[in-house]
N, C-alpha and C. Protein backbone atom coordinates (compact mmCIF):
# COMPACT_ATOMS: atom_id res chain seq x y z
N MET A 1 35.94 42.82 202.78
CA MET A 1 34.70 42.62 202.92
C MET A 1 34.31 43.11 201.53
N ALA A 2 33.73 42.61 200.90
CA ALA A 2 33.80 42.65 199.15
C ALA A 2 32.50 43.75 198.86
N ALA A 3 32.95 44.21 197.59
CA ALA A 3 31.74 45.55 197.70
C ALA A 3 30.40 44.57 197.21
N THR A 4 29.39 45.39 196.79
CA THR A 4 27.89 44.63 196.96
C THR A 4 27.49 44.80 195.65
N LYS A 5 27.15 42.99 194.66
CA LYS A 5 27.43 43.68 193.23
C LYS A 5 26.25 44.50 192.43
N GLY A 6 26.81 45.07 191.81
CA GLY A 6 26.15 46.08 191.03
C GLY A 6 26.15 47.81 192.10
N ASN A 7 27.16 48.03 192.35
CA ASN A 7 27.24 49.14 193.49
C ASN A 7 27.58 50.06 192.38
N GLN A 8 27.38 51.36 192.75
CA GLN A 8 27.54 52.69 192.34
C GLN A 8 28.74 53.51 192.35
N PHE A 9 29.65 52.49 193.07
CA PHE A 9 30.78 53.36 194.10
C PHE A 9 31.62 54.46 193.45
N TRP A 10 32.38 53.78 191.85
CA TRP A 10 32.90 54.09 191.19
C TRP A 10 32.00 55.85 191.18
N LYS A 11 30.66 55.76 190.70
CA LYS A 11 30.43 57.27 189.89
C LYS A 11 31.18 58.42 190.83
N GLN A 12 31.27 57.97 192.77
CA GLN A 12 31.51 59.06 193.57
C GLN A 12 32.89 59.62 193.23
N ARG A 13 33.83 58.79 192.76
CA ARG A 13 34.95 59.31 192.85
C ARG A 13 35.07 60.66 192.22
N SER A 14 36.25 61.73 193.08
CA SER A 14 36.49 63.19 192.48
C SER A 14 37.17 62.90 190.70
N LYS A 15 38.05 61.84 191.00
CA LYS A 15 38.51 62.49 189.10
C LYS A 15 38.89 60.84 188.94
N HIS A 16 38.92 60.90 187.42
CA HIS A 16 39.18 59.78 186.87
C HIS A 16 40.84 60.47 185.57
N GLY A 17 41.44 58.99 186.54
CA GLY A 17 43.28 58.65 185.55
C GLY A 17 44.32 60.22 186.83
N ARG A 18 45.17 60.12 185.76
CA ARG A 18 46.68 60.73 186.81
C ARG A 18 46.20 62.02 186.67
N ASP A 19 46.64 62.92 187.59
CA ASP A 19 47.32 64.25 186.74
C ASP A 19 48.29 64.73 185.95
N LYS A 20 48.18 65.43 185.33
CA LYS A 20 49.35 65.73 184.39
C LYS A 20 50.46 65.93 185.55
N LEU A 21 51.52 65.61 185.02
CA LEU A 21 52.70 65.81 185.94
C LEU A 21 52.97 66.98 186.64
N PHE A 22 53.01 67.77 185.39
CA PHE A 22 53.29 69.69 185.30
C PHE A 22 51.68 70.30 184.65
N LYS A 23 51.68 71.37 185.59
CA LYS A 23 50.17 71.66 185.12
C LYS A 23 50.38 72.92 184.32
N SER A 24 51.71 73.38 183.91
CA SER A 24 52.02 73.94 182.92
C SER A 24 53.17 73.78 181.98
N PRO A 25 53.12 74.07 181.11
CA PRO A 25 54.34 74.02 179.81
C PRO A 25 56.01 74.80 180.92
N THR A 26 55.32 76.36 181.46
CA THR A 26 56.29 76.65 181.58
C THR A 26 57.04 75.53 183.06
N MET A 27 56.36 75.36 183.84
CA MET A 27 56.69 74.42 184.63
C MET A 27 57.78 72.82 184.23
N LEU A 28 57.24 72.77 183.34
CA LEU A 28 57.43 72.27 182.27
C LEU A 28 59.23 72.33 181.61
N TRP A 29 59.58 73.21 181.29
CA TRP A 29 60.58 73.44 180.96
C TRP A 29 61.82 74.25 182.05
N ASN A 30 60.75 74.28 182.94
CA ASN A 30 61.73 74.86 184.29
C ASN A 30 62.82 73.63 185.13
N ALA A 31 62.12 72.58 184.84
CA ALA A 31 62.08 71.01 185.02
C ALA A 31 63.46 70.71 184.74
N ALA A 32 63.24 70.76 183.09
CA ALA A 32 64.14 70.40 182.41
C ALA A 32 65.09 70.92 182.45
N CYS A 33 64.97 72.84 182.77
CA CYS A 33 66.20 73.26 182.40
C CYS A 33 67.13 73.19 184.15
N GLU A 34 66.93 72.63 185.14
CA GLU A 34 66.99 71.85 186.99
C GLU A 34 67.98 70.93 186.20
N TYR A 35 67.32 69.82 185.80
CA TYR A 35 68.30 68.75 184.96
C TYR A 35 69.31 68.91 184.51
N PHE A 36 69.02 69.89 183.93
CA PHE A 36 69.94 70.13 182.41
C PHE A 36 71.56 70.59 183.15
N SER A 37 70.77 71.85 184.31
CA SER A 37 72.16 72.65 185.44
C SER A 37 72.38 71.06 186.43
N TRP A 38 71.60 70.04 186.59
CA TRP A 38 72.31 68.98 187.49
C TRP A 38 73.44 68.28 187.17
N CYS A 39 73.02 67.40 185.30
CA CYS A 39 74.07 67.42 184.61
C CYS A 39 74.99 67.73 184.17
N ASP A 40 75.06 68.92 184.23
CA ASP A 40 76.62 69.65 184.10
C ASP A 40 77.68 69.77 185.29
N GLU A 41 76.84 70.10 186.74
CA GLU A 41 77.05 70.61 187.81
C GLU A 41 77.59 68.92 188.27
N ASN A 42 76.88 67.89 188.07
CA ASN A 42 77.92 66.71 188.94
C ASN A 42 78.37 65.38 187.57
N PRO A 43 79.41 65.89 186.59
CA PRO A 43 80.09 65.32 186.17
C PRO A 43 80.15 63.99 186.20
N TRP A 44 80.14 63.41 185.38
CA TRP A 44 80.85 61.41 185.52
C TRP A 44 81.96 62.04 185.69
N MET A 45 82.78 60.60 186.77
CA MET A 45 84.08 61.15 187.28
C MET A 45 85.31 59.47 186.00
N LYS A 46 85.86 59.64 185.78
CA LYS A 46 86.45 58.41 184.86
C LYS A 46 87.77 58.23 185.62
N VAL A 47 87.30 57.50 186.11
CA VAL A 47 89.42 56.95 186.63
C VAL A 47 90.39 56.73 185.54
N GLU A 48 91.19 57.47 185.58
CA GLU A 48 92.36 56.84 184.09
C GLU A 48 93.70 56.25 185.34
N GLN A 49 95.03 55.57 184.18
CA GLN A 49 96.01 55.81 185.13
C GLN A 49 96.77 56.20 184.23
N LEU A 50 97.88 57.14 185.62
CA LEU A 50 99.13 57.79 185.53
C LEU A 50 100.15 57.33 184.73
N LYS A 51 101.03 57.43 184.35
CA LYS A 51 101.92 57.09 182.92
C LYS A 51 103.12 57.37 184.27
N LYS A 52 103.41 58.21 185.32
CA LYS A 52 104.38 58.55 186.34
C LYS A 52 103.38 58.14 187.51
N PRO A 53 103.39 57.64 188.24
CA PRO A 53 103.22 57.36 189.87
C PRO A 53 103.26 58.95 190.53
N MET A 54 102.28 59.06 191.49
CA MET A 54 103.05 60.97 191.64
C MET A 54 102.53 60.41 193.40
N VAL A 55 103.46 61.85 193.96
CA VAL A 55 103.03 61.38 195.41
C VAL A 55 101.95 62.33 195.85
N VAL A 56 101.05 62.25 196.50
CA VAL A 56 100.09 63.11 197.33
C VAL A 56 99.94 63.08 198.57
N GLU A 57 98.95 63.81 199.45
CA GLU A 57 98.88 63.85 200.98
C GLU A 57 97.35 63.44 201.16
N ASP A 58 96.89 62.46 201.42
CA ASP A 58 96.05 61.33 201.86
C ASP A 58 95.42 62.68 203.14
N ASN A 59 94.26 62.32 203.31
CA ASN A 59 93.35 63.49 204.61
C ASN A 59 93.31 63.05 205.59
N GLU A 60 94.34 62.32 206.15
CA GLU A 60 94.99 62.47 207.25
C GLU A 60 96.09 63.36 207.44
N GLY A 61 96.93 63.37 206.26
CA GLY A 61 98.28 63.97 205.79
C GLY A 61 99.27 63.39 205.35
N ASN A 62 99.09 61.47 205.37
CA ASN A 62 100.06 60.80 205.13
C ASN A 62 100.54 60.74 203.47
N GLU A 63 101.99 60.87 203.50
CA GLU A 63 102.68 60.85 201.90
C GLU A 63 101.82 59.69 201.47
N VAL A 64 100.82 59.60 199.84
CA VAL A 64 100.28 57.91 199.50
C VAL A 64 100.83 58.24 197.54
N VAL A 65 101.86 56.94 197.05
CA VAL A 65 101.40 57.00 196.02
C VAL A 65 100.44 56.36 195.48
N GLU A 66 100.08 57.67 194.10
CA GLU A 66 98.78 57.78 193.32
C GLU A 66 99.23 56.98 192.13
N SER A 67 98.70 56.22 191.64
CA SER A 67 98.57 56.11 190.41
C SER A 67 97.36 55.84 189.31
N MET A 68 96.61 56.67 189.58
CA MET A 68 95.19 56.67 189.16
C MET A 68 95.00 57.57 189.48
N VAL A 69 94.24 58.82 188.16
CA VAL A 69 93.65 59.61 188.44
C VAL A 69 91.36 60.07 188.65
N HIS A 70 90.97 60.95 188.83
CA HIS A 70 89.83 61.15 188.89
C HIS A 70 89.29 61.95 187.76
N LEU A 71 89.12 61.60 187.14
CA LEU A 71 88.88 63.07 185.35
C LEU A 71 87.27 63.38 185.28
N PRO A 72 86.80 64.35 185.53
CA PRO A 72 85.59 64.73 185.38
C PRO A 72 85.60 64.72 183.67
N THR A 73 84.23 63.94 183.27
CA THR A 73 83.95 64.43 182.05
C THR A 73 82.38 65.05 182.32
N ALA A 74 82.44 65.44 180.64
CA ALA A 74 80.43 66.03 180.75
C ALA A 74 79.84 64.84 180.69
N ARG A 75 78.29 65.01 181.20
CA ARG A 75 76.98 63.67 181.32
C ARG A 75 76.44 64.75 180.76
N PRO A 76 76.28 63.87 179.87
CA PRO A 76 75.04 64.00 178.14
C PRO A 76 73.88 63.30 179.08
N TYR A 77 73.12 64.99 178.71
CA TYR A 77 71.45 64.77 178.84
C TYR A 77 71.29 63.85 177.70
N SER A 78 70.04 62.96 178.59
CA SER A 78 69.14 61.90 177.67
C SER A 78 67.62 62.36 178.04
N ILE A 79 66.62 61.80 177.24
CA ILE A 79 65.62 61.53 178.08
C ILE A 79 65.23 60.57 178.70
N SER A 80 66.09 59.48 179.25
CA SER A 80 66.05 58.62 179.82
C SER A 80 65.91 59.31 181.51
N GLY A 81 67.37 59.89 181.48
CA GLY A 81 67.38 60.62 182.23
C GLY A 81 66.56 61.50 182.83
N LEU A 82 66.45 62.41 181.99
CA LEU A 82 65.61 63.36 182.41
C LEU A 82 64.20 62.42 182.74
N CYS A 83 63.13 61.87 182.64
CA CYS A 83 62.55 61.17 182.90
C CYS A 83 62.97 60.93 184.60
N LEU A 84 63.75 59.56 184.92
CA LEU A 84 64.44 59.59 185.83
C LEU A 84 64.67 61.09 187.04
N TYR A 85 65.11 62.12 186.06
CA TYR A 85 65.02 62.97 187.32
C TYR A 85 63.77 63.85 187.86
N LEU A 86 62.84 63.77 186.59
CA LEU A 86 60.95 63.92 186.47
C LEU A 86 60.68 63.30 187.52
N ASN A 87 61.36 62.09 187.81
CA ASN A 87 59.80 60.79 188.45
C ASN A 87 58.97 59.85 187.91
N CYS A 88 59.60 59.91 186.14
CA CYS A 88 58.58 59.45 185.97
C CYS A 88 58.82 58.64 184.43
N ASN A 89 58.88 57.53 184.32
CA ASN A 89 59.47 56.96 183.12
C ASN A 89 59.33 57.31 181.77
N SER A 90 60.02 56.26 180.59
CA SER A 90 60.37 57.41 179.79
C SER A 90 58.89 56.47 178.50
N ALA A 91 58.23 55.62 178.96
CA ALA A 91 56.87 55.45 178.65
C ALA A 91 55.86 56.49 178.64
N PHE A 92 55.62 57.19 179.80
CA PHE A 92 54.78 58.16 180.66
C PHE A 92 55.41 59.19 179.55
N PHE A 93 56.16 59.54 179.24
CA PHE A 93 57.18 60.70 178.44
C PHE A 93 56.72 60.61 176.95
N ARG A 94 56.51 59.76 176.67
CA ARG A 94 56.31 58.99 175.32
C ARG A 94 54.76 59.61 174.85
N GLN A 95 53.99 58.34 175.58
CA GLN A 95 52.68 58.90 175.91
C GLN A 95 51.98 60.33 175.93
N PHE A 96 52.73 60.90 176.93
CA PHE A 96 51.98 62.33 177.44
C PHE A 96 51.95 63.03 176.32
N LYS A 97 53.24 62.95 175.26
CA LYS A 97 53.81 63.61 173.95
C LYS A 97 52.11 63.40 172.93
N LYS A 98 52.40 61.77 173.00
CA LYS A 98 51.22 61.29 172.16
C LYS A 98 49.83 61.36 172.04
N SER A 99 50.08 62.35 173.24
CA SER A 99 48.15 62.38 173.82
C SER A 99 47.82 64.14 173.13
N LEU A 100 48.69 64.76 173.14
CA LEU A 100 48.70 66.50 173.51
C LEU A 100 47.40 66.57 172.10
N LYS A 101 46.12 66.64 172.76
CA LYS A 101 45.84 67.53 171.90
C LYS A 101 46.60 69.27 171.21
N LYS A 102 45.32 69.63 169.98
CA LYS A 102 45.88 71.16 169.84
C LYS A 102 45.82 72.08 170.95
N ALA A 103 44.45 71.64 171.83
CA ALA A 103 45.10 72.80 173.02
C ALA A 103 45.96 73.16 174.24
N ASP A 104 46.82 71.30 173.96
CA ASP A 104 48.05 71.36 174.11
C ASP A 104 49.23 71.83 173.56
N LYS A 105 48.95 72.80 172.86
CA LYS A 105 50.16 73.38 171.71
C LYS A 105 51.36 73.80 172.01
N ASP A 106 51.46 74.79 173.74
CA ASP A 106 52.26 74.78 174.43
C ASP A 106 52.89 73.60 175.04
N PHE A 107 52.54 72.63 175.58
CA PHE A 107 53.24 71.75 175.95
C PHE A 107 53.87 70.82 174.73
N SER A 108 53.73 70.70 173.61
CA SER A 108 53.97 70.15 172.70
C SER A 108 55.29 71.11 171.83
N THR A 109 55.36 72.44 172.22
CA THR A 109 56.34 73.10 171.73
C THR A 109 57.76 73.31 172.78
N VAL A 110 56.99 72.68 174.05
CA VAL A 110 57.55 72.75 175.27
C VAL A 110 58.86 71.67 174.59
N ILE A 111 57.33 70.20 175.38
CA ILE A 111 58.07 68.82 174.37
C ILE A 111 59.68 68.59 173.46
N SER A 112 59.29 69.38 172.24
CA SER A 112 59.74 69.62 171.11
C SER A 112 60.92 70.31 171.20
N ARG A 113 61.29 71.57 172.25
CA ARG A 113 62.46 72.10 172.61
C ARG A 113 63.54 71.30 173.35
N ILE A 114 62.59 70.10 174.56
CA ILE A 114 63.44 69.71 175.11
C ILE A 114 64.29 68.87 174.59
N GLU A 115 63.80 68.26 173.36
CA GLU A 115 64.35 66.55 172.82
C GLU A 115 64.96 67.60 171.85
N ASP A 116 65.19 68.73 171.13
CA ASP A 116 66.22 69.29 170.42
C ASP A 116 67.28 69.71 171.86
N THR A 117 67.49 70.05 172.29
CA THR A 117 68.67 70.67 173.41
C THR A 117 69.34 69.04 173.97
N ILE A 118 68.35 68.22 174.27
CA ILE A 118 69.21 66.65 174.32
C ILE A 118 69.69 66.66 173.19
N ALA A 119 69.66 66.39 171.96
CA ALA A 119 70.22 66.52 170.82
C ALA A 119 70.87 67.12 170.14
N THR A 120 70.72 68.32 170.57
CA THR A 120 71.62 69.30 170.56
C THR A 120 73.66 69.45 171.36
N GLN A 121 73.30 68.52 172.11
CA GLN A 121 74.30 68.77 173.41
C GLN A 121 74.95 67.36 173.03
N GLN A 122 73.85 66.49 172.76
CA GLN A 122 75.01 64.77 172.65
C GLN A 122 75.81 64.90 171.03
N PHE A 123 74.94 65.70 170.36
CA PHE A 123 75.32 65.77 169.20
C PHE A 123 77.22 66.54 168.86
N GLU A 124 77.01 67.47 169.15
CA GLU A 124 77.90 68.80 169.35
C GLU A 124 79.00 67.58 170.62
N GLY A 125 78.67 67.02 171.65
CA GLY A 125 79.04 66.18 172.70
C GLY A 125 80.28 65.32 171.67
N ALA A 126 79.39 64.63 171.15
CA ALA A 126 80.30 63.11 170.32
C ALA A 126 80.65 64.01 168.92
N THR A 127 80.79 65.22 168.85
CA THR A 127 81.53 65.88 167.80
C THR A 127 82.53 65.86 167.86
N VAL A 128 82.69 67.33 169.33
CA VAL A 128 84.38 67.62 170.26
C VAL A 128 85.05 66.02 170.30
N GLY A 129 84.09 64.87 170.40
CA GLY A 129 84.81 63.91 171.26
C GLY A 129 84.64 63.54 173.20
N ALA A 130 83.44 64.65 173.53
CA ALA A 130 83.32 64.33 174.84
C ALA A 130 83.35 62.96 174.96
N TYR A 131 81.76 62.74 174.26
CA TYR A 131 81.33 61.37 174.23
C TYR A 131 81.85 60.29 172.66
N ASN A 132 81.43 58.91 173.31
CA ASN A 132 81.24 58.32 171.51
C ASN A 132 80.65 58.46 171.07
N ALA A 133 81.36 59.20 169.55
CA ALA A 133 80.28 58.72 168.33
C ALA A 133 79.35 57.77 168.01
N ASN A 134 79.69 56.51 168.16
CA ASN A 134 79.26 55.66 167.83
C ASN A 134 77.91 55.66 168.49
N ILE A 135 77.94 55.38 170.16
CA ILE A 135 76.88 55.30 170.86
C ILE A 135 76.16 56.77 170.17
N ILE A 136 76.15 58.07 170.27
CA ILE A 136 75.86 59.10 170.30
C ILE A 136 74.73 58.82 168.92
N SER A 137 75.59 58.31 167.91
CA SER A 137 74.93 58.40 166.50
C SER A 137 73.35 57.22 166.55
N ARG A 138 73.83 56.28 167.50
CA ARG A 138 72.72 55.75 167.06
C ARG A 138 71.26 55.44 167.82
N THR A 139 72.24 56.70 168.67
CA THR A 139 70.82 56.95 169.49
C THR A 139 69.70 58.27 168.92
N LEU A 140 71.05 58.72 168.29
CA LEU A 140 69.37 59.91 167.49
C LEU A 140 68.86 59.14 166.52
N GLY A 141 69.43 57.97 166.09
CA GLY A 141 69.48 57.71 164.84
C GLY A 141 69.90 58.15 163.58
N LEU A 142 70.79 58.60 163.60
CA LEU A 142 71.93 58.60 162.53
C LEU A 142 72.90 57.24 161.77
N ALA A 143 72.61 57.40 160.48
CA ALA A 143 73.45 56.24 160.18
C ALA A 143 74.46 56.10 158.83
N ASP A 144 75.06 55.76 158.44
CA ASP A 144 76.14 55.72 157.48
C ASP A 144 75.88 54.19 156.81
N ASN A 145 74.83 54.18 155.56
CA ASN A 145 74.64 53.35 154.42
C ASN A 145 75.02 53.56 153.96
N GLN A 146 75.54 51.87 153.95
CA GLN A 146 76.18 51.20 152.78
C GLN A 146 75.99 49.96 152.61
N ASN A 147 75.48 49.94 150.86
CA ASN A 147 74.42 48.54 150.07
C ASN A 147 75.91 47.57 150.24
N VAL A 148 76.22 46.83 151.03
CA VAL A 148 76.75 45.42 150.64
C VAL A 148 76.27 44.11 150.46
N LYS A 149 77.36 43.77 149.32
CA LYS A 149 76.85 42.36 148.83
C LYS A 149 76.90 41.48 149.42
N HIS A 150 76.92 40.09 149.60
CA HIS A 150 77.49 39.04 150.54
C HIS A 150 78.72 38.76 150.17
N ASP A 151 79.30 39.09 149.33
CA ASP A 151 80.76 38.80 148.73
C ASP A 151 81.84 40.18 149.83
N GLY A 152 80.81 40.92 150.26
CA GLY A 152 81.50 41.62 151.27
C GLY A 152 82.05 43.19 150.52
N ILE A 153 81.68 43.21 149.15
CA ILE A 153 82.08 44.32 148.25
C ILE A 153 81.28 45.58 148.28
N PRO A 154 81.48 46.51 148.48
CA PRO A 154 80.48 47.79 148.85
C PRO A 154 79.74 47.92 147.41
N GLU A 155 78.45 47.64 147.43
CA GLU A 155 77.79 48.45 146.05
C GLU A 155 78.45 49.94 146.32
N THR A 156 78.88 50.26 144.89
CA THR A 156 78.94 51.31 144.31
C THR A 156 78.47 51.31 143.10
N PRO A 157 77.58 52.39 142.63
CA PRO A 157 77.78 52.64 141.48
C PRO A 157 78.53 52.42 139.71
N ALA A 158 78.39 52.33 139.25
CA ALA A 158 79.59 52.30 138.10
C ALA A 158 79.98 54.14 137.36
N ALA A 159 81.40 54.55 137.53
CA ALA A 159 81.16 55.98 137.32
C ALA A 159 80.98 55.86 136.15
N LYS A 160 80.28 56.36 135.47
CA LYS A 160 79.74 56.80 133.81
C LYS A 160 80.82 58.09 133.46
N GLN A 161 81.26 57.61 132.64
CA GLN A 161 82.31 59.56 131.41
C GLN A 161 80.93 59.78 130.87
N VAL A 162 81.23 60.73 130.71
CA VAL A 162 80.42 61.48 129.71
C VAL A 162 80.65 62.53 128.29
N MET A 163 80.81 62.58 127.29
CA MET A 163 81.40 63.34 126.47
C MET A 163 80.37 63.71 125.34
N ILE A 164 80.71 65.27 125.53
CA ILE A 164 80.01 65.61 124.00
C ILE A 164 81.15 65.55 122.92
N PHE A 165 80.40 64.56 121.47
CA PHE A 165 81.03 64.17 120.29
C PHE A 165 79.98 64.65 119.75
N ASN A 166 80.24 65.52 117.94
CA ASN A 166 79.51 66.29 117.60
C ASN A 166 78.19 66.60 117.32
N GLY A 167 78.34 67.17 119.22
CA GLY A 167 76.50 67.19 119.40
C GLY A 167 76.27 66.51 119.90
N GLN A 168 76.61 64.91 119.78
CA GLN A 168 76.35 63.96 120.49
C GLN A 168 76.78 63.27 122.16
N LYS A 169 75.78 62.97 123.01
CA LYS A 169 75.95 62.68 124.12
C LYS A 169 76.55 61.54 124.07
N VAL A 170 77.69 60.67 124.63
CA VAL A 170 77.86 59.55 124.27
C VAL A 170 79.02 59.54 125.81
N GLU A 171 78.65 57.87 125.89
CA GLU A 171 78.64 57.33 127.49
C GLU A 171 79.40 56.52 127.30
N PHE A 172 80.60 56.43 128.35
CA PHE A 172 81.97 55.41 128.23
C PHE A 172 82.45 54.75 129.70
């Protein structure tokens, strides 16, 4: 059954829009720290082939030859991973950050701290070789720009030699 035309039922609702995901900046920071701890406690398992197979016991006590090994590797922190952990999406998180007012200065501080923690962990992980440096540099927006002409030769400004001769500056 449809509502009657011209009704004003919408005025009776108790609230407009969705509640904030977190009531306080402290709750947001604690949830982010939970996510960081979860990442640290649940590393990715990387499968590597052994150069020399080894004999090990399986769960039933039988000897088996293993040629693969599972190595734990660090799990990088990410905004998308944090959003999945917090049960929201990245667009909601960006919109929440963008819509903060001056009264929500503490939320802004916490969000900046979260983003800085994620960027630092990714950068340091790439620096020590735990993560692929190319992927992390693109994620963080780091770039090694070179202007290249269409002939494939990088544009580099010609080095100028300067010499002072009889009080005059001479370039060659």
